[in-house]
């Protein structure tokens, strides 16, 4: 497939969710699709959670254990 999944830069800074109470006539049981947008903030949310826990911002994802340990050691945080 040549379909490109939207990236984080494709999403506006503020997204307002709207609940549609009118069933979609072509969706199963009247369901409407949500696409991939709910998944885009996942990685930044994990980075923010690790920052909340450690006080350290990470500028590279994914946050592998090796990257986290290396960055924490770099800023002087030890086990």
PDB file of N, CA and C in Angstrom:
ATOM      1  N   UNK A   1       0.829  -1.182   0.000  1.00  0.00           N
ATOM      2  CA  UNK A   1       0.000   0.000   0.000  1.00  0.00           C
ATOM      3  C   UNK A   1       0.874   1.246   0.000  1.00  0.00           C
ATOM      4  N   UNK A   2       0.367   2.302  -0.575  1.00  0.00           N
ATOM      5  CA  UNK A   2       1.098   3.570  -0.583  1.00  0.00           C
ATOM      6  C   UNK A   2       0.497   4.571   0.392  1.00  0.00           C
ATOM      7  N   UNK A   3      -0.442   4.125   1.209  1.00  0.00           N
ATOM      8  CA  UNK A   3      -1.070   5.011   2.194  1.00  0.00           C
ATOM      9  C   UNK A   3      -0.067   5.345   3.291  1.00  0.00           C
ATOM     10  N   UNK A   4       0.129   6.618   3.536  1.00  0.00           N
ATOM     11  CA  UNK A   4       1.042   7.049   4.588  1.00  0.00           C
ATOM     12  C   UNK A   4       0.239   7.399   5.834  1.00  0.00           C
ATOM     13  N   UNK A   5       0.588   6.795   6.939  1.00  0.00           N
ATOM     14  CA  UNK A   5      -0.073   7.109   8.197  1.00  0.00           C
ATOM     15  C   UNK A   5       0.351   8.511   8.612  1.00  0.00           C
ATOM     16  N   UNK A   6      -0.597   9.368   8.996  1.00  0.00           N
ATOM     17  CA  UNK A   6      -0.220  10.726   9.395  1.00  0.00           C
ATOM     18  C   UNK A   6       0.766  10.711  10.553  1.00  0.00           C
ATOM     19  N   UNK A   7       1.665  11.648  10.521  1.00  0.00           N
ATOM     20  CA  UNK A   7       2.625  11.804  11.605  1.00  0.00           C
ATOM     21  C   UNK A   7       2.186  12.906  12.555  1.00  0.00           C
ATOM     22  N   UNK A   8       2.938  13.105  13.603  1.00  0.00           N
ATOM     23  CA  UNK A   8       2.572  14.097  14.607  1.00  0.00           C
ATOM     24  C   UNK A   8       2.539  15.503  14.015  1.00  0.00           C
ATOM     25  N   UNK A   9       3.348  15.775  13.004  1.00  0.00           N
ATOM     26  CA  UNK A   9       3.348  17.104  12.386  1.00  0.00           C
ATOM     27  C   UNK A   9       2.105  17.346  11.539  1.00  0.00           C
ATOM     28  N   UNK A  10       1.331  16.298  11.267  1.00  0.00           N
ATOM     29  CA  UNK A  10       0.105  16.427  10.485  1.00  0.00           C
ATOM     30  C   UNK A  10      -1.114  16.752  11.347  1.00  0.00           C
ATOM     31  N   UNK A  11      -0.942  16.770  12.646  1.00  0.00           N
ATOM     32  CA  UNK A  11      -2.056  16.985  13.564  1.00  0.00           C
ATOM     33  C   UNK A  11      -1.962  18.396  14.137  1.00  0.00           C
ATOM     34  N   UNK A  12      -3.072  19.123  14.180  1.00  0.00           N
ATOM     35  CA  UNK A  12      -3.018  20.455  14.789  1.00  0.00           C
ATOM     36  C   UNK A  12      -2.659  20.378  16.268  1.00  0.00           C
ATOM     37  N   UNK A  13      -2.145  21.481  16.808  1.00  0.00           N
ATOM     38  CA  UNK A  13      -1.716  21.487  18.208  1.00  0.00           C
ATOM     39  C   UNK A  13      -2.874  21.186  19.158  1.00  0.00           C
ATOM     40  N   UNK A  14      -4.047  21.701  18.829  1.00  0.00           N
ATOM     41  CA  UNK A  14      -5.232  21.439  19.647  1.00  0.00           C
ATOM     42  C   UNK A  14      -6.232  20.671  18.799  1.00  0.00           C
ATOM     43  N   UNK A  15      -6.657  19.532  19.303  1.00  0.00           N
ATOM     44  CA  UNK A  15      -7.632  18.702  18.601  1.00  0.00           C
ATOM     45  C   UNK A  15      -8.877  18.611  19.468  1.00  0.00           C
ATOM     46  N   UNK A  16     -10.004  18.966  18.891  1.00  0.00           N
ATOM     47  CA  UNK A  16     -11.258  18.882  19.627  1.00  0.00           C
ATOM     48  C   UNK A  16     -12.015  17.655  19.139  1.00  0.00           C
ATOM     49  N   UNK A  17     -12.278  16.743  20.050  1.00  0.00           N
ATOM     50  CA  UNK A  17     -13.029  15.540  19.705  1.00  0.00           C
ATOM     51  C   UNK A  17     -14.517  15.861  19.683  1.00  0.00           C
ATOM     52  N   UNK A  18     -15.204  15.277  18.725  1.00  0.00           N
ATOM     53  CA  UNK A  18     -16.645  15.471  18.604  1.00  0.00           C
ATOM     54  C   UNK A  18     -17.301  14.101  18.614  1.00  0.00           C
ATOM     55  N   UNK A  19     -18.276  13.931  19.477  1.00  0.00           N
ATOM     56  CA  UNK A  19     -19.008  12.665  19.521  1.00  0.00           C
ATOM     57  C   UNK A  19     -20.198  12.777  18.584  1.00  0.00           C
ATOM     58  N   UNK A  20     -20.236  11.904  17.592  1.00  0.00           N
ATOM     59  CA  UNK A  20     -21.331  11.887  16.624  1.00  0.00           C
ATOM     60  C   UNK A  20     -22.391  10.909  17.112  1.00  0.00           C
ATOM     61  N   UNK A  21     -23.564  11.417  17.393  1.00  0.00           N
ATOM     62  CA  UNK A  21     -24.636  10.553  17.884  1.00  0.00           C
ATOM     63  C   UNK A  21     -25.518  10.060  16.751  1.00  0.00           C
ATOM     64  N   UNK A  22     -25.187  10.429  15.523  1.00  0.00           N
ATOM     65  CA  UNK A  22     -25.956   9.983  14.364  1.00  0.00           C
ATOM     66  C   UNK A  22     -25.224   8.793  13.761  1.00  0.00           C
ATOM     67  N   UNK A  23     -25.859   7.629  13.676  1.00  0.00           N
ATOM     68  CA  UNK A  23     -25.182   6.447  13.130  1.00  0.00           C
ATOM     69  C   UNK A  23     -24.746   6.657  11.678  1.00  0.00           C
ATOM     70  N   UNK A  24     -23.587   6.123  11.343  1.00  0.00           N
ATOM     71  CA  UNK A  24     -23.097   6.148   9.968  1.00  0.00           C
ATOM     72  C   UNK A  24     -23.817   5.040   9.211  1.00  0.00           C
ATOM     73  N   UNK A  25     -24.478   5.360   8.109  1.00  0.00           N
ATOM     74  CA  UNK A  25     -25.248   4.332   7.401  1.00  0.00           C
ATOM     75  C   UNK A  25     -24.392   3.227   6.779  1.00  0.00           C
ATOM     76  N   UNK A  26     -23.093   3.475   6.576  1.00  0.00           N
ATOM     77  CA  UNK A  26     -22.262   2.436   5.961  1.00  0.00           C
ATOM     78  C   UNK A  26     -21.348   1.737   6.961  1.00  0.00           C
ATOM     79  N   UNK A  27     -21.232   2.262   8.166  1.00  0.00           N
ATOM     80  CA  UNK A  27     -20.369   1.642   9.176  1.00  0.00           C
ATOM     81  C   UNK A  27     -21.058   0.465   9.843  1.00  0.00           C
ATOM     82  N   UNK A  28     -20.274  -0.509  10.320  1.00  0.00           N
ATOM     83  CA  UNK A  28     -20.890  -1.650  11.012  1.00  0.00           C
ATOM     84  C   UNK A  28     -21.596  -1.176  12.281  1.00  0.00           C
ATOM     85  N   UNK A  29     -22.838  -1.549  12.433  1.00  0.00           N
ATOM     86  CA  UNK A  29     -23.665  -1.140  13.576  1.00  0.00           C
ATOM     87  C   UNK A  29     -23.714   0.382  13.726  1.00  0.00           C
ATOM     88  N   UNK A  30     -23.521   1.097  12.609  1.00  0.00           N
ATOM     89  CA  UNK A  30     -23.584   2.556  12.645  1.00  0.00           C
ATOM     90  C   UNK A  30     -22.311   3.233  13.126  1.00  0.00           C
ATOM     91  N   UNK A  31     -21.230   2.453  13.260  1.00  0.00           N
ATOM     92  CA  UNK A  31     -19.970   2.997  13.786  1.00  0.00           C
ATOM     93  C   UNK A  31     -19.300   3.923  12.780  1.00  0.00           C
ATOM     94  N   UNK A  32     -18.566   4.888  13.302  1.00  0.00           N
ATOM     95  CA  UNK A  32     -17.752   5.792  12.482  1.00  0.00           C
ATOM     96  C   UNK A  32     -16.279   5.535  12.800  1.00  0.00           C
ATOM     97  N   UNK A  33     -15.437   5.637  11.795  1.00  0.00           N
ATOM     98  CA  UNK A  33     -14.011   5.394  11.984  1.00  0.00           C
ATOM     99  C   UNK A  33     -13.319   6.528  12.711  1.00  0.00           C
ATOM    100  N   UNK A  34     -12.255   6.181  13.417  1.00  0.00           N
ATOM    101  CA  UNK A  34     -11.458   7.182  14.130  1.00  0.00           C
ATOM    102  C   UNK A  34     -10.096   7.385  13.485  1.00  0.00           C
ATOM    103  N   UNK A  35      -9.691   6.517  12.603  1.00  0.00           N
ATOM    104  CA  UNK A  35      -8.385   6.570  11.939  1.00  0.00           C
ATOM    105  C   UNK A  35      -7.257   6.407  12.950  1.00  0.00           C
ATOM    106  N   UNK A  36      -6.086   6.917  12.617  1.00  0.00           N
ATOM    107  CA  UNK A  36      -4.911   6.698  13.452  1.00  0.00           C
ATOM    108  C   UNK A  36      -4.653   7.834  14.432  1.00  0.00           C
ATOM    109  N   UNK A  37      -5.416   8.902  14.388  1.00  0.00           N
ATOM    110  CA  UNK A  37      -5.107  10.060  15.233  1.00  0.00           C
ATOM    111  C   UNK A  37      -5.007   9.747  16.719  1.00  0.00           C
ATOM    112  N   UNK A  38      -5.791   8.832  17.285  1.00  0.00           N
ATOM    113  CA  UNK A  38      -5.633   8.581  18.721  1.00  0.00           C
ATOM    114  C   UNK A  38      -4.261   8.027  19.102  1.00  0.00           C
ATOM    115  N   UNK A  39      -3.546   7.446  18.138  1.00  0.00           N
ATOM    116  CA  UNK A  39      -2.256   6.843  18.451  1.00  0.00           C
ATOM    117  C   UNK A  39      -1.102   7.836  18.382  1.00  0.00           C
ATOM    118  N   UNK A  40      -1.284   8.967  17.730  1.00  0.00           N
ATOM    119  CA  UNK A  40      -0.181   9.902  17.526  1.00  0.00           C
ATOM    120  C   UNK A  40       0.383  10.482  18.819  1.00  0.00           C
ATOM    121  N   UNK A  41      -0.433  10.818  19.806  1.00  0.00           N
ATOM    122  CA  UNK A  41       0.151  11.401  21.017  1.00  0.00           C
ATOM    123  C   UNK A  41       0.747  10.381  21.979  1.00  0.00           C
ATOM    124  N   UNK A  42       0.736   9.104  21.634  1.00  0.00           N
ATOM    125  CA  UNK A  42       1.199   8.079  22.565  1.00  0.00           C
ATOM    126  C   UNK A  42       2.680   8.241  22.918  1.00  0.00           C
ATOM    127  N   UNK A  43       3.548   8.336  21.928  1.00  0.00           N
ATOM    128  CA  UNK A  43       4.989   8.448  22.209  1.00  0.00           C
ATOM    129  C   UNK A  43       5.309   9.718  22.994  1.00  0.00           C
ATOM    130  N   UNK A  44       4.775  10.897  22.603  1.00  0.00           N
ATOM    131  CA  UNK A  44       5.044  12.085  23.417  1.00  0.00           C
ATOM    132  C   UNK A  44       4.501  11.965  24.841  1.00  0.00           C
ATOM    133  N   UNK A  45       3.393  11.260  25.019  1.00  0.00           N
ATOM    134  CA  UNK A  45       2.849  11.072  26.370  1.00  0.00           C
ATOM    135  C   UNK A  45       3.791  10.220  27.216  1.00  0.00           C
ATOM    136  N   UNK A  46       4.390   9.208  26.603  1.00  0.00           N
ATOM    137  CA  UNK A  46       5.351   8.371  27.329  1.00  0.00           C
ATOM    138  C   UNK A  46       6.581   9.196  27.705  1.00  0.00           C
ATOM    139  N   UNK A  47       7.073  10.008  26.757  1.00  0.00           N
ATOM    140  CA  UNK A  47       8.225  10.870  27.044  1.00  0.00           C
ATOM    141  C   UNK A  47       7.894  11.826  28.193  1.00  0.00           C
ATOM    142  N   UNK A  48       6.697  12.402  28.174  1.00  0.00           N
ATOM    143  CA  UNK A  48       6.289  13.317  29.244  1.00  0.00           C
ATOM    144  C   UNK A  48       6.192  12.590  30.584  1.00  0.00           C
ATOM    145  N   UNK A  49       5.702  11.356  30.576  1.00  0.00           N
ATOM    146  CA  UNK A  49       5.601  10.584  31.819  1.00  0.00           C
ATOM    147  C   UNK A  49       6.983  10.272  32.386  1.00  0.00           C
ATOM    148  N   UNK A  50       7.924   9.922  31.511  1.00  0.00           N
ATOM    149  CA  UNK A  50       9.289   9.651  31.977  1.00  0.00           C
ATOM    150  C   UNK A  50       9.915  10.941  32.507  1.00  0.00           C
ATOM    151  N   UNK A  51       9.628  12.064  31.850  1.00  0.00           N
ATOM    152  CA  UNK A  51      10.113  13.360  32.359  1.00  0.00           C
ATOM    153  C   UNK A  51       9.539  13.644  33.739  1.00  0.00           C
ATOM    154  N   UNK A  52       8.247  13.391  33.911  1.00  0.00           N
ATOM    155  CA  UNK A  52       7.630  13.612  35.225  1.00  0.00           C
ATOM    156  C   UNK A  52       8.300  12.757  36.300  1.00  0.00           C
ATOM    157  N   UNK A  53       8.694  11.547  35.934  1.00  0.00           N
ATOM    158  CA  UNK A  53       9.304  10.631  36.904  1.00  0.00           C
ATOM    159  C   UNK A  53      10.773  10.944  37.178  1.00  0.00           C
ATOM    160  N   UNK A  54      11.476  11.494  36.173  1.00  0.00           N
ATOM    161  CA  UNK A  54      12.925  11.666  36.309  1.00  0.00           C
ATOM    162  C   UNK A  54      13.387  13.116  36.308  1.00  0.00           C
ATOM    163  N   UNK A  55      12.568  14.007  35.765  1.00  0.00           N
ATOM    164  CA  UNK A  55      12.984  15.397  35.604  1.00  0.00           C
ATOM    165  C   UNK A  55      13.867  15.612  34.394  1.00  0.00           C
ATOM    166  N   UNK A  56      14.006  14.603  33.549  1.00  0.00           N
ATOM    167  CA  UNK A  56      14.884  14.663  32.379  1.00  0.00           C
ATOM    168  C   UNK A  56      14.037  14.575  31.112  1.00  0.00           C
ATOM    169  N   UNK A  57      14.282  15.506  30.171  1.00  0.00           N
ATOM    170  CA  UNK A  57      13.605  15.441  28.876  1.00  0.00           C
ATOM    171  C   UNK A  57      14.439  14.601  27.916  1.00  0.00           C
ATOM    172  N   UNK A  58      13.773  13.780  27.143  1.00  0.00           N
ATOM    173  CA  UNK A  58      14.416  12.954  26.127  1.00  0.00           C
ATOM    174  C   UNK A  58      14.018  13.498  24.769  1.00  0.00           C
ATOM    175  N   UNK A  59      14.996  13.613  23.857  1.00  0.00           N
ATOM    176  CA  UNK A  59      14.708  14.189  22.546  1.00  0.00           C
ATOM    177  C   UNK A  59      14.783  13.163  21.421  1.00  0.00           C
ATOM    178  N   UNK A  60      14.754  11.902  21.779  1.00  0.00           N
ATOM    179  CA  UNK A  60      14.816  10.842  20.769  1.00  0.00           C
ATOM    180  C   UNK A  60      13.878   9.712  21.195  1.00  0.00           C
ATOM    181  N   UNK A  61      13.078   9.251  20.245  1.00  0.00           N
ATOM    182  CA  UNK A  61      12.193   8.118  20.517  1.00  0.00           C
ATOM    183  C   UNK A  61      12.478   7.031  19.494  1.00  0.00           C
ATOM    184  N   UNK A  62      12.215   5.796  19.818  1.00  0.00           N
ATOM    185  CA  UNK A  62      11.554   5.304  21.013  1.00  0.00           C
ATOM    186  C   UNK A  62      12.483   5.355  22.225  1.00  0.00           C
ATOM    187  N   UNK A  63      11.865   5.406  23.399  1.00  0.00           N
ATOM    188  CA  UNK A  63      12.631   5.394  24.642  1.00  0.00           C
ATOM    189  C   UNK A  63      12.981   3.956  24.980  1.00  0.00           C
ATOM    190  N   UNK A  64      14.112   3.523  24.483  1.00  0.00           N
ATOM    191  CA  UNK A  64      14.568   2.170  24.809  1.00  0.00           C
ATOM    192  C   UNK A  64      15.212   2.201  26.193  1.00  0.00           C
ATOM    193  N   UNK A  65      15.269   1.065  26.876  1.00  0.00           N
ATOM    194  CA  UNK A  65      15.943   1.045  28.180  1.00  0.00           C
ATOM    195  C   UNK A  65      17.373   1.580  28.099  1.00  0.00           C
ATOM    196  N   UNK A  66      18.086   1.218  27.043  1.00  0.00           N
ATOM    197  CA  UNK A  66      19.474   1.673  26.902  1.00  0.00           C
ATOM    198  C   UNK A  66      19.546   3.194  26.775  1.00  0.00           C
ATOM    199  N   UNK A  67      18.640   3.797  26.006  1.00  0.00           N
ATOM    200  CA  UNK A  67      18.646   5.255  25.855  1.00  0.00           C
ATOM    201  C   UNK A  67      18.312   5.954  27.165  1.00  0.00           C
ATOM    202  N   UNK A  68      17.340   5.405  27.880  1.00  0.00           N
ATOM    203  CA  UNK A  68      16.939   6.019  29.147  1.00  0.00           C
ATOM    204  C   UNK A  68      18.091   5.954  30.146  1.00  0.00           C
ATOM    205  N   UNK A  69      18.700   4.790  30.300  1.00  0.00           N
ATOM    206  CA  UNK A  69      19.810   4.638  31.244  1.00  0.00           C
ATOM    207  C   UNK A  69      20.972   5.549  30.851  1.00  0.00           C
ATOM    208  N   UNK A  70      21.307   5.586  29.559  1.00  0.00           N
ATOM    209  CA  UNK A  70      22.421   6.423  29.103  1.00  0.00           C
ATOM    210  C   UNK A  70      22.162   7.899  29.396  1.00  0.00           C
ATOM    211  N   UNK A  71      20.954   8.369  29.121  1.00  0.00           N
ATOM    212  CA  UNK A  71      20.625   9.779  29.359  1.00  0.00           C
ATOM    213  C   UNK A  71      20.633  10.099  30.851  1.00  0.00           C
ATOM    214  N   UNK A  72      20.089   9.196  31.660  1.00  0.00           N
ATOM    215  CA  UNK A  72      20.087   9.427  33.105  1.00  0.00           C
ATOM    216  C   UNK A  72      21.508   9.473  33.649  1.00  0.00           C
ATOM    217  N   UNK A  73      22.375   8.596  33.149  1.00  0.00           N
ATOM    218  CA  UNK A  73      23.778   8.618  33.572  1.00  0.00           C
ATOM    219  C   UNK A  73      24.463   9.893  33.092  1.00  0.00           C
ATOM    220  N   UNK A  74      24.104  10.345  31.886  1.00  0.00           N
ATOM    221  CA  UNK A  74      24.689  11.563  31.319  1.00  0.00           C
ATOM    222  C   UNK A  74      24.406  12.783  32.199  1.00  0.00           C
ATOM    223  N   UNK A  75      23.222  12.834  32.771  1.00  0.00           N
ATOM    224  CA  UNK A  75      22.865  13.986  33.611  1.00  0.00           C
ATOM    225  C   UNK A  75      23.178  13.753  35.085  1.00  0.00           C
ATOM    226  N   UNK A  76      23.794  12.615  35.391  1.00  0.00           N
ATOM    227  CA  UNK A  76      24.246  12.362  36.750  1.00  0.00           C
ATOM    228  C   UNK A  76      23.274  11.631  37.645  1.00  0.00           C
ATOM    229  N   UNK A  77      22.250  11.023  37.070  1.00  0.00           N
ATOM    230  CA  UNK A  77      21.310  10.234  37.868  1.00  0.00           C
ATOM    231  C   UNK A  77      21.747   8.780  37.794  1.00  0.00           C
ATOM    232  N   UNK A  78      21.986   8.191  38.945  1.00  0.00           N
ATOM    233  CA  UNK A  78      22.435   6.793  39.013  1.00  0.00           C
ATOM    234  C   UNK A  78      21.333   5.930  39.597  1.00  0.00           C
ATOM    235  N   UNK A  79      21.501   4.613  39.484  1.00  0.00           N
ATOM    236  CA  UNK A  79      20.517   3.670  40.054  1.00  0.00           C
ATOM    237  C   UNK A  79      20.418   3.848  41.547  1.00  0.00           C
TER     238      UNK A  79
END
